[in-house]
PDB file of N, CA and C in Angstrom:
ATOM      1  N   UNK A   1     108.093  97.815 105.952  1.00  0.00           N
ATOM      2  CA  UNK A   1     109.439  97.910 106.470  1.00  0.00           C
ATOM      3  C   UNK A   1     110.357  97.083 105.574  1.00  0.00           C
ATOM      4  N   UNK A   2     111.452  97.642 105.218  1.00  0.00           N
ATOM      5  CA  UNK A   2     112.468  96.938 104.453  1.00  0.00           C
ATOM      6  C   UNK A   2     113.760  97.016 105.253  1.00  0.00           C
ATOM      7  N   UNK A   3     114.450  95.914 105.371  1.00  0.00           N
ATOM      8  CA  UNK A   3     115.684  95.892 106.163  1.00  0.00           C
ATOM      9  C   UNK A   3     116.699  96.909 105.668  1.00  0.00           C
ATOM     10  N   UNK A   4     116.709  97.176 104.369  1.00  0.00           N
ATOM     11  CA  UNK A   4     117.664  98.131 103.808  1.00  0.00           C
ATOM     12  C   UNK A   4     117.086  99.542 103.748  1.00  0.00           C
ATOM     13  N   UNK A   5     115.868  99.732 104.238  1.00  0.00           N
ATOM     14  CA  UNK A   5     115.226 101.036 104.202  1.00  0.00           C
ATOM     15  C   UNK A   5     114.324 101.177 102.987  1.00  0.00           C
ATOM     16  N   UNK A   6     113.485 102.196 103.012  1.00  0.00           N
ATOM     17  CA  UNK A   6     112.568 102.496 101.915  1.00  0.00           C
ATOM     18  C   UNK A   6     113.075 103.745 101.208  1.00  0.00           C
ATOM     19  N   UNK A   7     113.163 103.714  99.872  1.00  0.00           N
ATOM     20  CA  UNK A   7     113.713 104.866  99.159  1.00  0.00           C
ATOM     21  C   UNK A   7     112.858 106.126  99.304  1.00  0.00           C
ATOM     22  N   UNK A   8     113.504 107.220  99.643  1.00  0.00           N
ATOM     23  CA  UNK A   8     112.910 108.556  99.627  1.00  0.00           C
ATOM     24  C   UNK A   8     113.894 109.410  98.850  1.00  0.00           C
ATOM     25  N   UNK A   9     113.543 109.733  97.628  1.00  0.00           N
ATOM     26  CA  UNK A   9     114.462 110.391  96.706  1.00  0.00           C
ATOM     27  C   UNK A   9     115.719 109.523  96.574  1.00  0.00           C
ATOM     28  N   UNK A  10     116.881 110.026  96.981  1.00  0.00           N
ATOM     29  CA  UNK A  10     118.116 109.263  96.825  1.00  0.00           C
ATOM     30  C   UNK A  10     118.581 108.614  98.121  1.00  0.00           C
ATOM     31  N   UNK A  11     117.817 108.785  99.183  1.00  0.00           N
ATOM     32  CA  UNK A  11     118.171 108.230 100.483  1.00  0.00           C
ATOM     33  C   UNK A  11     117.219 107.110 100.861  1.00  0.00           C
ATOM     34  N   UNK A  12     117.685 106.191 101.699  1.00  0.00           N
ATOM     35  CA  UNK A  12     116.831 105.157 102.250  1.00  0.00           C
ATOM     36  C   UNK A  12     116.439 105.547 103.659  1.00  0.00           C
ATOM     37  N   UNK A  13     115.154 105.446 103.946  1.00  0.00           N
ATOM     38  CA  UNK A  13     114.612 105.782 105.255  1.00  0.00           C
ATOM     39  C   UNK A  13     114.344 104.478 106.007  1.00  0.00           C
ATOM     40  N   UNK A  14     114.886 104.356 107.213  1.00  0.00           N
ATOM     41  CA  UNK A  14     114.638 103.178 108.045  1.00  0.00           C
ATOM     42  C   UNK A  14     113.386 103.433 108.868  1.00  0.00           C
ATOM     43  N   UNK A  15     112.520 102.442 108.938  1.00  0.00           N
ATOM     44  CA  UNK A  15     111.292 102.543 109.710  1.00  0.00           C
ATOM     45  C   UNK A  15     110.097 102.107 108.881  1.00  0.00           C
ATOM     46  N   UNK A  16     108.926 102.281 109.425  1.00  0.00           N
ATOM     47  CA  UNK A  16     107.686 101.891 108.755  1.00  0.00           C
ATOM     48  C   UNK A  16     107.357 102.918 107.674  1.00  0.00           C
ATOM     49  N   UNK A  17     106.871 102.428 106.537  1.00  0.00           N
ATOM     50  CA  UNK A  17     106.380 103.292 105.477  1.00  0.00           C
ATOM     51  C   UNK A  17     104.970 102.852 105.137  1.00  0.00           C
ATOM     52  N   UNK A  18     104.073 103.789 105.019  1.00  0.00           N
ATOM     53  CA  UNK A  18     102.685 103.514 104.676  1.00  0.00           C
ATOM     54  C   UNK A  18     102.431 104.026 103.261  1.00  0.00           C
ATOM     55  N   UNK A  19     102.024 103.146 102.360  1.00  0.00           N
ATOM     56  CA  UNK A  19     101.667 103.520 100.995  1.00  0.00           C
ATOM     57  C   UNK A  19     100.143 103.637 100.932  1.00  0.00           C
ATOM     58  N   UNK A  20      99.650 104.681 100.309  1.00  0.00           N
ATOM     59  CA  UNK A  20      98.203 104.840 100.183  1.00  0.00           C
ATOM     60  C   UNK A  20      97.860 105.385  98.801  1.00  0.00           C
ATOM     61  N   UNK A  21      96.746 104.935  98.275  1.00  0.00           N
ATOM     62  CA  UNK A  21      96.252 105.404  96.981  1.00  0.00           C
ATOM     63  C   UNK A  21      94.758 105.629  97.079  1.00  0.00           C
ATOM     64  N   UNK A  22      94.306 106.763  96.621  1.00  0.00           N
ATOM     65  CA  UNK A  22      92.875 107.060  96.509  1.00  0.00           C
ATOM     66  C   UNK A  22      92.110 106.866  97.810  1.00  0.00           C
ATOM     67  N   UNK A  23      92.715 107.250  98.912  1.00  0.00           N
ATOM     68  CA  UNK A  23      92.028 107.193 100.198  1.00  0.00           C
ATOM     69  C   UNK A  23      91.627 108.608 100.608  1.00  0.00           C
ATOM     70  N   UNK A  24      90.507 108.737 101.294  1.00  0.00           N
ATOM     71  CA  UNK A  24      90.129 110.056 101.789  1.00  0.00           C
ATOM     72  C   UNK A  24      91.169 110.576 102.782  1.00  0.00           C
ATOM     73  N   UNK A  25      91.400 111.871 102.759  1.00  0.00           N
ATOM     74  CA  UNK A  25      92.400 112.498 103.636  1.00  0.00           C
ATOM     75  C   UNK A  25      92.134 112.166 105.102  1.00  0.00           C
ATOM     76  N   UNK A  26      90.856 112.125 105.504  1.00  0.00           N
ATOM     77  CA  UNK A  26      90.506 111.827 106.893  1.00  0.00           C
ATOM     78  C   UNK A  26      91.023 110.440 107.291  1.00  0.00           C
ATOM     79  N   UNK A  27      90.858 109.464 106.394  1.00  0.00           N
ATOM     80  CA  UNK A  27      91.326 108.108 106.677  1.00  0.00           C
ATOM     81  C   UNK A  27      92.852 108.060 106.740  1.00  0.00           C
ATOM     82  N   UNK A  28      93.506 108.779 105.845  1.00  0.00           N
ATOM     83  CA  UNK A  28      94.974 108.835 105.861  1.00  0.00           C
ATOM     84  C   UNK A  28      95.458 109.394 107.200  1.00  0.00           C
ATOM     85  N   UNK A  29      94.788 110.426 107.689  1.00  0.00           N
ATOM     86  CA  UNK A  29      95.165 111.001 108.989  1.00  0.00           C
ATOM     87  C   UNK A  29      94.957 109.996 110.124  1.00  0.00           C
ATOM     88  N   UNK A  30      93.884 109.217 110.068  1.00  0.00           N
ATOM     89  CA  UNK A  30      93.638 108.199 111.095  1.00  0.00           C
ATOM     90  C   UNK A  30      94.705 107.103 111.053  1.00  0.00           C
ATOM     91  N   UNK A  31      95.064 106.676 109.851  1.00  0.00           N
ATOM     92  CA  UNK A  31      96.081 105.641 109.695  1.00  0.00           C
ATOM     93  C   UNK A  31      97.438 106.168 110.168  1.00  0.00           C
ATOM     94  N   UNK A  32      97.745 107.415 109.819  1.00  0.00           N
ATOM     95  CA  UNK A  32      98.998 108.033 110.240  1.00  0.00           C
ATOM     96  C   UNK A  32      99.070 108.096 111.764  1.00  0.00           C
ATOM     97  N   UNK A  33      97.981 108.486 112.388  1.00  0.00           N
ATOM     98  CA  UNK A  33      97.932 108.553 113.853  1.00  0.00           C
ATOM     99  C   UNK A  33      98.147 107.150 114.448  1.00  0.00           C
ATOM    100  N   UNK A  34      97.508 106.141 113.865  1.00  0.00           N
ATOM    101  CA  UNK A  34      97.637 104.766 114.335  1.00  0.00           C
ATOM    102  C   UNK A  34      99.099 104.321 114.323  1.00  0.00           C
ATOM    103  N   UNK A  35      99.767 104.498 113.175  1.00  0.00           N
ATOM    104  CA  UNK A  35     101.164 104.067 113.081  1.00  0.00           C
ATOM    105  C   UNK A  35     102.075 104.916 113.963  1.00  0.00           C
ATOM    106  N   UNK A  36     101.798 106.202 114.060  1.00  0.00           N
ATOM    107  CA  UNK A  36     102.605 107.074 114.913  1.00  0.00           C
ATOM    108  C   UNK A  36     102.541 106.645 116.369  1.00  0.00           C
ATOM    109  N   UNK A  37     101.336 106.311 116.844  1.00  0.00           N
ATOM    110  CA  UNK A  37     101.179 105.852 118.233  1.00  0.00           C
ATOM    111  C   UNK A  37     101.772 104.467 118.423  1.00  0.00           C
ATOM    112  N   UNK A  38     101.706 103.642 117.407  1.00  0.00           N
ATOM    113  CA  UNK A  38     102.167 102.254 117.492  1.00  0.00           C
ATOM    114  C   UNK A  38     103.694 102.159 117.484  1.00  0.00           C
ATOM    115  N   UNK A  39     104.339 102.913 116.596  1.00  0.00           N
ATOM    116  CA  UNK A  39     105.773 102.711 116.378  1.00  0.00           C
ATOM    117  C   UNK A  39     106.622 103.961 116.518  1.00  0.00           C
ATOM    118  N   UNK A  40     106.002 105.136 116.614  1.00  0.00           N
ATOM    119  CA  UNK A  40     106.776 106.364 116.749  1.00  0.00           C
ATOM    120  C   UNK A  40     107.459 106.768 115.452  1.00  0.00           C
ATOM    121  N   UNK A  41     108.509 107.524 115.566  1.00  0.00           N
ATOM    122  CA  UNK A  41     109.267 107.969 114.408  1.00  0.00           C
ATOM    123  C   UNK A  41     108.869 109.358 113.946  1.00  0.00           C
ATOM    124  N   UNK A  42     109.737 109.952 113.151  1.00  0.00           N
ATOM    125  CA  UNK A  42     109.494 111.273 112.577  1.00  0.00           C
ATOM    126  C   UNK A  42     108.685 111.105 111.304  1.00  0.00           C
ATOM    127  N   UNK A  43     107.566 111.792 111.227  1.00  0.00           N
ATOM    128  CA  UNK A  43     106.659 111.652 110.089  1.00  0.00           C
ATOM    129  C   UNK A  43     107.135 112.495 108.907  1.00  0.00           C
ATOM    130  N   UNK A  44     107.288 111.841 107.747  1.00  0.00           N
ATOM    131  CA  UNK A  44     107.639 112.505 106.488  1.00  0.00           C
ATOM    132  C   UNK A  44     106.638 112.041 105.439  1.00  0.00           C
ATOM    133  N   UNK A  45     106.250 112.918 104.518  1.00  0.00           N
ATOM    134  CA  UNK A  45     105.296 112.528 103.486  1.00  0.00           C
ATOM    135  C   UNK A  45     105.854 112.864 102.116  1.00  0.00           C
ATOM    136  N   UNK A  46     105.666 111.952 101.173  1.00  0.00           N
ATOM    137  CA  UNK A  46     106.094 112.170  99.786  1.00  0.00           C
ATOM    138  C   UNK A  46     105.107 111.450  98.890  1.00  0.00           C
ATOM    139  N   UNK A  47     104.325 112.192  98.143  1.00  0.00           N
ATOM    140  CA  UNK A  47     103.339 111.594  97.251  1.00  0.00           C
ATOM    141  C   UNK A  47     102.356 110.726  98.006  1.00  0.00           C
ATOM    142  N   UNK A  48     102.267 109.458  97.613  1.00  0.00           N
ATOM    143  CA  UNK A  48     101.328 108.529  98.252  1.00  0.00           C
ATOM    144  C   UNK A  48     102.026 107.668  99.309  1.00  0.00           C
ATOM    145  N   UNK A  49     103.091 108.199  99.907  1.00  0.00           N
ATOM    146  CA  UNK A  49     103.819 107.467 100.952  1.00  0.00           C
ATOM    147  C   UNK A  49     103.991 108.336 102.188  1.00  0.00           C
ATOM    148  N   UNK A  50     103.821 107.703 103.342  1.00  0.00           N
ATOM    149  CA  UNK A  50     104.104 108.365 104.613  1.00  0.00           C
ATOM    150  C   UNK A  50     105.182 107.541 105.296  1.00  0.00           C
ATOM    151  N   UNK A  51     106.282 108.183 105.610  1.00  0.00           N
ATOM    152  CA  UNK A  51     107.419 107.532 106.250  1.00  0.00           C
ATOM    153  C   UNK A  51     107.396 107.856 107.741  1.00  0.00           C
ATOM    154  N   UNK A  52     107.754 106.889 108.550  1.00  0.00           N
ATOM    155  CA  UNK A  52     107.923 107.101 109.979  1.00  0.00           C
ATOM    156  C   UNK A  52     109.401 106.834 110.272  1.00  0.00           C
ATOM    157  N   UNK A  53     110.223 107.835 109.919  1.00  0.00           N
ATOM    158  CA  UNK A  53     111.675 107.700 110.009  1.00  0.00           C
ATOM    159  C   UNK A  53     112.098 107.410 111.442  1.00  0.00           C
ATOM    160  N   UNK A  54     112.880 106.339 111.601  1.00  0.00           N
ATOM    161  CA  UNK A  54     113.388 105.970 112.912  1.00  0.00           C
ATOM    162  C   UNK A  54     112.356 105.274 113.791  1.00  0.00           C
ATOM    163  N   UNK A  55     111.230 104.871 113.211  1.00  0.00           N
ATOM    164  CA  UNK A  55     110.210 104.192 114.006  1.00  0.00           C
ATOM    165  C   UNK A  55     110.685 102.809 114.428  1.00  0.00           C
ATOM    166  N   UNK A  56     109.985 102.277 115.393  1.00  0.00           N
ATOM    167  CA  UNK A  56     110.285 100.916 115.852  1.00  0.00           C
ATOM    168  C   UNK A  56     110.089  99.953 114.686  1.00  0.00           C
ATOM    169  N   UNK A  57     111.027  99.049 114.501  1.00  0.00           N
ATOM    170  CA  UNK A  57     110.912  98.034 113.452  1.00  0.00           C
ATOM    171  C   UNK A  57     110.795  96.671 114.106  1.00  0.00           C
ATOM    172  N   UNK A  58     110.016  95.809 113.516  1.00  0.00           N
ATOM    173  CA  UNK A  58     109.860  94.455 114.039  1.00  0.00           C
ATOM    174  C   UNK A  58     109.709  93.514 112.855  1.00  0.00           C
ATOM    175  N   UNK A  59     110.219  92.311 113.010  1.00  0.00           N
ATOM    176  CA  UNK A  59     110.227  91.379 111.891  1.00  0.00           C
ATOM    177  C   UNK A  59     109.734  89.988 112.255  1.00  0.00           C
ATOM    178  N   UNK A  60     109.344  89.763 113.502  1.00  0.00           N
ATOM    179  CA  UNK A  60     108.866  88.426 113.854  1.00  0.00           C
ATOM    180  C   UNK A  60     107.477  88.219 113.265  1.00  0.00           C
ATOM    181  N   UNK A  61     107.192  86.998 112.869  1.00  0.00           N
ATOM    182  CA  UNK A  61     105.889  86.672 112.307  1.00  0.00           C
ATOM    183  C   UNK A  61     104.753  87.012 113.253  1.00  0.00           C
ATOM    184  N   UNK A  62     104.975  86.783 114.539  1.00  0.00           N
ATOM    185  CA  UNK A  62     103.942  87.054 115.546  1.00  0.00           C
ATOM    186  C   UNK A  62     103.621  88.551 115.605  1.00  0.00           C
ATOM    187  N   UNK A  63     104.649  89.403 115.588  1.00  0.00           N
ATOM    188  CA  UNK A  63     104.428  90.850 115.652  1.00  0.00           C
ATOM    189  C   UNK A  63     103.761  91.376 114.377  1.00  0.00           C
ATOM    190  N   UNK A  64     104.184  90.856 113.232  1.00  0.00           N
ATOM    191  CA  UNK A  64     103.592  91.288 111.959  1.00  0.00           C
ATOM    192  C   UNK A  64     102.127  90.864 111.892  1.00  0.00           C
ATOM    193  N   UNK A  65     101.835  89.637 112.303  1.00  0.00           N
ATOM    194  CA  UNK A  65     100.450  89.154 112.297  1.00  0.00           C
ATOM    195  C   UNK A  65      99.581  89.963 113.260  1.00  0.00           C
ATOM    196  N   UNK A  66     100.124  90.318 114.422  1.00  0.00           N
ATOM    197  CA  UNK A  66      99.370  91.114 115.394  1.00  0.00           C
ATOM    198  C   UNK A  66      99.045  92.496 114.815  1.00  0.00           C
ATOM    199  N   UNK A  67     100.005  93.109 114.123  1.00  0.00           N
ATOM    200  CA  UNK A  67      99.768  94.405 113.497  1.00  0.00           C
ATOM    201  C   UNK A  67      98.684  94.287 112.424  1.00  0.00           C
ATOM    202  N   UNK A  68      98.763  93.256 111.601  1.00  0.00           N
ATOM    203  CA  UNK A  68      97.760  93.047 110.556  1.00  0.00           C
ATOM    204  C   UNK A  68      96.369  92.902 111.168  1.00  0.00           C
ATOM    205  N   UNK A  69      96.273  92.146 112.238  1.00  0.00           N
ATOM    206  CA  UNK A  69      94.991  91.933 112.920  1.00  0.00           C
ATOM    207  C   UNK A  69      94.463  93.258 113.486  1.00  0.00           C
ATOM    208  N   UNK A  70      95.341  94.057 114.082  1.00  0.00           N
ATOM    209  CA  UNK A  70      94.931  95.352 114.629  1.00  0.00           C
ATOM    210  C   UNK A  70      94.415  96.279 113.522  1.00  0.00           C
ATOM    211  N   UNK A  71      95.095  96.269 112.376  1.00  0.00           N
ATOM    212  CA  UNK A  71      94.654  97.094 111.244  1.00  0.00           C
ATOM    213  C   UNK A  71      93.274  96.648 110.763  1.00  0.00           C
ATOM    214  N   UNK A  72      93.071  95.337 110.665  1.00  0.00           N
ATOM    215  CA  UNK A  72      91.778  94.813 110.221  1.00  0.00           C
ATOM    216  C   UNK A  72      90.655  95.233 111.166  1.00  0.00           C
ATOM    217  N   UNK A  73      90.915  95.119 112.454  1.00  0.00           N
ATOM    218  CA  UNK A  73      89.893  95.434 113.437  1.00  0.00           C
ATOM    219  C   UNK A  73      89.609  96.933 113.520  1.00  0.00           C
ATOM    220  N   UNK A  74      90.650  97.749 113.523  1.00  0.00           N
ATOM    221  CA  UNK A  74      90.477  99.199 113.686  1.00  0.00           C
ATOM    222  C   UNK A  74      89.850  99.846 112.461  1.00  0.00           C
ATOM    223  N   UNK A  75      90.251  99.403 111.255  1.00  0.00           N
ATOM    224  CA  UNK A  75      89.831 100.072 110.028  1.00  0.00           C
ATOM    225  C   UNK A  75      88.868  99.247 109.178  1.00  0.00           C
ATOM    226  N   UNK A  76      88.450  98.070 109.676  1.00  0.00           N
ATOM    227  CA  UNK A  76      87.512  97.212 108.948  1.00  0.00           C
ATOM    228  C   UNK A  76      87.999  96.950 107.517  1.00  0.00           C
ATOM    229  N   UNK A  77      89.217  96.435 107.419  1.00  0.00           N
ATOM    230  CA  UNK A  77      89.851  96.147 106.129  1.00  0.00           C
ATOM    231  C   UNK A  77      90.383  94.714 106.122  1.00  0.00           C
ATOM    232  N   UNK A  78      90.771  94.268 104.957  1.00  0.00           N
ATOM    233  CA  UNK A  78      91.474  92.997 104.824  1.00  0.00           C
ATOM    234  C   UNK A  78      92.934  93.326 104.565  1.00  0.00           C
ATOM    235  N   UNK A  79      93.827  92.746 105.339  1.00  0.00           N
ATOM    236  CA  UNK A  79      95.255  93.025 105.159  1.00  0.00           C
ATOM    237  C   UNK A  79      95.906  91.945 104.305  1.00  0.00           C
ATOM    238  N   UNK A  80      96.960  92.332 103.618  1.00  0.00           N
ATOM    239  CA  UNK A  80      97.775  91.412 102.841  1.00  0.00           C
ATOM    240  C   UNK A  80      99.206  91.598 103.293  1.00  0.00           C
ATOM    241  N   UNK A  81      99.854  90.506 103.640  1.00  0.00           N
ATOM    242  CA  UNK A  81     101.251  90.554 104.063  1.00  0.00           C
ATOM    243  C   UNK A  81     102.102  90.036 102.907  1.00  0.00           C
ATOM    244  N   UNK A  82     103.069  90.844 102.488  1.00  0.00           N
ATOM    245  CA  UNK A  82     103.963  90.472 101.408  1.00  0.00           C
ATOM    246  C   UNK A  82     105.370  90.361 101.978  1.00  0.00           C
ATOM    247  N   UNK A  83     106.063  89.295 101.643  1.00  0.00           N
ATOM    248  CA  UNK A  83     107.426  89.078 102.121  1.00  0.00           C
ATOM    249  C   UNK A  83     108.393  89.075 100.953  1.00  0.00           C
ATOM    250  N   UNK A  84     109.562  89.621 101.175  1.00  0.00           N
ATOM    251  CA  UNK A  84     110.650  89.539 100.202  1.00  0.00           C
ATOM    252  C   UNK A  84     111.689  88.592 100.768  1.00  0.00           C
ATOM    253  N   UNK A  85     112.189  87.711  99.931  1.00  0.00           N
ATOM    254  CA  UNK A  85     113.188  86.751 100.364  1.00  0.00           C
ATOM    255  C   UNK A  85     114.532  87.161  99.783  1.00  0.00           C
ATOM    256  N   UNK A  86     115.400  87.612 100.664  1.00  0.00           N
ATOM    257  CA  UNK A  86     116.712  88.094 100.252  1.00  0.00           C
ATOM    258  C   UNK A  86     117.578  86.948  99.753  1.00  0.00           C
ATOM    259  N   UNK A  87     118.285  87.197  98.659  1.00  0.00           N
ATOM    260  CA  UNK A  87     119.269  86.270  98.082  1.00  0.00           C
ATOM    261  C   UNK A  87     118.667  84.981  97.543  1.00  0.00           C
ATOM    262  N   UNK A  88     117.372  84.951  97.240  1.00  0.00           N
ATOM    263  CA  UNK A  88     116.784  83.804  96.549  1.00  0.00           C
ATOM    264  C   UNK A  88     116.581  84.188  95.093  1.00  0.00           C
ATOM    265  N   UNK A  89     116.939  83.283  94.194  1.00  0.00           N
ATOM    266  CA  UNK A  89     116.724  83.547  92.778  1.00  0.00           C
ATOM    267  C   UNK A  89     115.261  83.279  92.436  1.00  0.00           C
ATOM    268  N   UNK A  90     114.849  83.766  91.277  1.00  0.00           N
ATOM    269  CA  UNK A  90     113.478  83.514  90.820  1.00  0.00           C
ATOM    270  C   UNK A  90     113.222  82.010  90.752  1.00  0.00           C
ATOM    271  N   UNK A  91     114.194  81.265  90.269  1.00  0.00           N
ATOM    272  CA  UNK A  91     114.041  79.810  90.144  1.00  0.00           C
ATOM    273  C   UNK A  91     113.901  79.155  91.516  1.00  0.00           C
ATOM    274  N   UNK A  92     114.696  79.585  92.496  1.00  0.00           N
ATOM    275  CA  UNK A  92     114.598  79.029  93.851  1.00  0.00           C
ATOM    276  C   UNK A  92     113.240  79.328  94.475  1.00  0.00           C
ATOM    277  N   UNK A  93     112.720  80.531  94.226  1.00  0.00           N
ATOM    278  CA  UNK A  93     111.398  80.867  94.752  1.00  0.00           C
ATOM    279  C   UNK A  93     110.327  79.983  94.127  1.00  0.00           C
ATOM    280  N   UNK A  94     110.450  79.759  92.817  1.00  0.00           N
ATOM    281  CA  UNK A  94     109.484  78.912  92.116  1.00  0.00           C
ATOM    282  C   UNK A  94     109.574  77.479  92.625  1.00  0.00           C
ATOM    283  N   UNK A  95     110.792  76.967  92.773  1.00  0.00           N
ATOM    284  CA  UNK A  95     110.986  75.604  93.286  1.00  0.00           C
ATOM    285  C   UNK A  95     110.480  75.479  94.725  1.00  0.00           C
ATOM    286  N   UNK A  96     110.515  76.571  95.485  1.00  0.00           N
ATOM    287  CA  UNK A  96     110.044  76.574  96.866  1.00  0.00           C
ATOM    288  C   UNK A  96     108.532  76.591  96.988  1.00  0.00           C
ATOM    289  N   UNK A  97     107.833  76.714  95.856  1.00  0.00           N
ATOM    290  CA  UNK A  97     106.382  76.655  95.875  1.00  0.00           C
ATOM    291  C   UNK A  97     105.678  77.985  96.027  1.00  0.00           C
ATOM    292  N   UNK A  98     106.407  79.089  95.906  1.00  0.00           N
ATOM    293  CA  UNK A  98     105.741  80.385  95.998  1.00  0.00           C
ATOM    294  C   UNK A  98     104.866  80.596  94.761  1.00  0.00           C
ATOM    295  N   UNK A  99     103.696  81.219  94.919  1.00  0.00           N
ATOM    296  CA  UNK A  99     102.795  81.414  93.771  1.00  0.00           C
ATOM    297  C   UNK A  99     103.423  82.320  92.719  1.00  0.00           C
ATOM    298  N   UNK A 100     103.186  81.984  91.448  1.00  0.00           N
ATOM    299  CA  UNK A 100     103.769  82.743  90.343  1.00  0.00           C
ATOM    300  C   UNK A 100     103.480  84.236  90.439  1.00  0.00           C
ATOM    301  N   UNK A 101     102.271  84.611  90.883  1.00  0.00           N
ATOM    302  CA  UNK A 101     101.907  86.035  90.962  1.00  0.00           C
ATOM    303  C   UNK A 101     102.756  86.784  91.982  1.00  0.00           C
ATOM    304  N   UNK A 102     103.409  86.078  92.897  1.00  0.00           N
ATOM    305  CA  UNK A 102     104.214  86.722  93.931  1.00  0.00           C
ATOM    306  C   UNK A 102     105.709  86.645  93.658  1.00  0.00           C
ATOM    307  N   UNK A 103     106.100  86.096  92.526  1.00  0.00           N
ATOM    308  CA  UNK A 103     107.522  85.930  92.224  1.00  0.00           C
ATOM    309  C   UNK A 103     108.069  87.197  91.566  1.00  0.00           C
ATOM    310  N   UNK A 104     108.118  88.263  92.330  1.00  0.00           N
ATOM    311  CA  UNK A 104     108.601  89.540  91.828  1.00  0.00           C
ATOM    312  C   UNK A 104     110.039  89.757  92.266  1.00  0.00           C
ATOM    313  N   UNK A 105     110.873  90.262  91.382  1.00  0.00           N
ATOM    314  CA  UNK A 105     112.263  90.522  91.781  1.00  0.00           C
ATOM    315  C   UNK A 105     112.328  91.681  92.757  1.00  0.00           C
ATOM    316  N   UNK A 106     113.318  91.640  93.640  1.00  0.00           N
ATOM    317  CA  UNK A 106     113.559  92.740  94.568  1.00  0.00           C
ATOM    318  C   UNK A 106     114.305  93.824  93.795  1.00  0.00           C
ATOM    319  N   UNK A 107     113.802  95.071  93.784  1.00  0.00           N
ATOM    320  CA  UNK A 107     114.481  96.139  93.058  1.00  0.00           C
ATOM    321  C   UNK A 107     115.937  96.280  93.491  1.00  0.00           C
ATOM    322  N   UNK A 108     116.802  96.489  92.504  1.00  0.00           N
ATOM    323  CA  UNK A 108     118.211  96.684  92.780  1.00  0.00           C
ATOM    324  C   UNK A 108     119.000  95.395  92.862  1.00  0.00           C
ATOM    325  N   UNK A 109     118.332  94.257  92.671  1.00  0.00           N
ATOM    326  CA  UNK A 109     119.023  92.953  92.732  1.00  0.00           C
ATOM    327  C   UNK A 109     119.246  92.410  91.344  1.00  0.00           C
TER     328      UNK A 109
END
């Protein structure tokens, strides 16, 4: 989820977006069903992305952690949570102690 939406062609789609690479179609369908039941929204697919346009969005740490835990338990995976910090410069992120491997610029900034 991105506060400004996730790009789909020239438009930004608000809601959850699932990125997948090299996963079996059966697993993609299970993951799609999971997110659809969890957050709703209109399902759109483009390449290796599935958009849930208009789905429920949540940003609290507790809700994000609960979702990560549910994904780990349901699909027997390890989740990684990545955060983008709006309006922080690369130098401010570095001074804040964020790991160098995670100091990626936000596209369009």
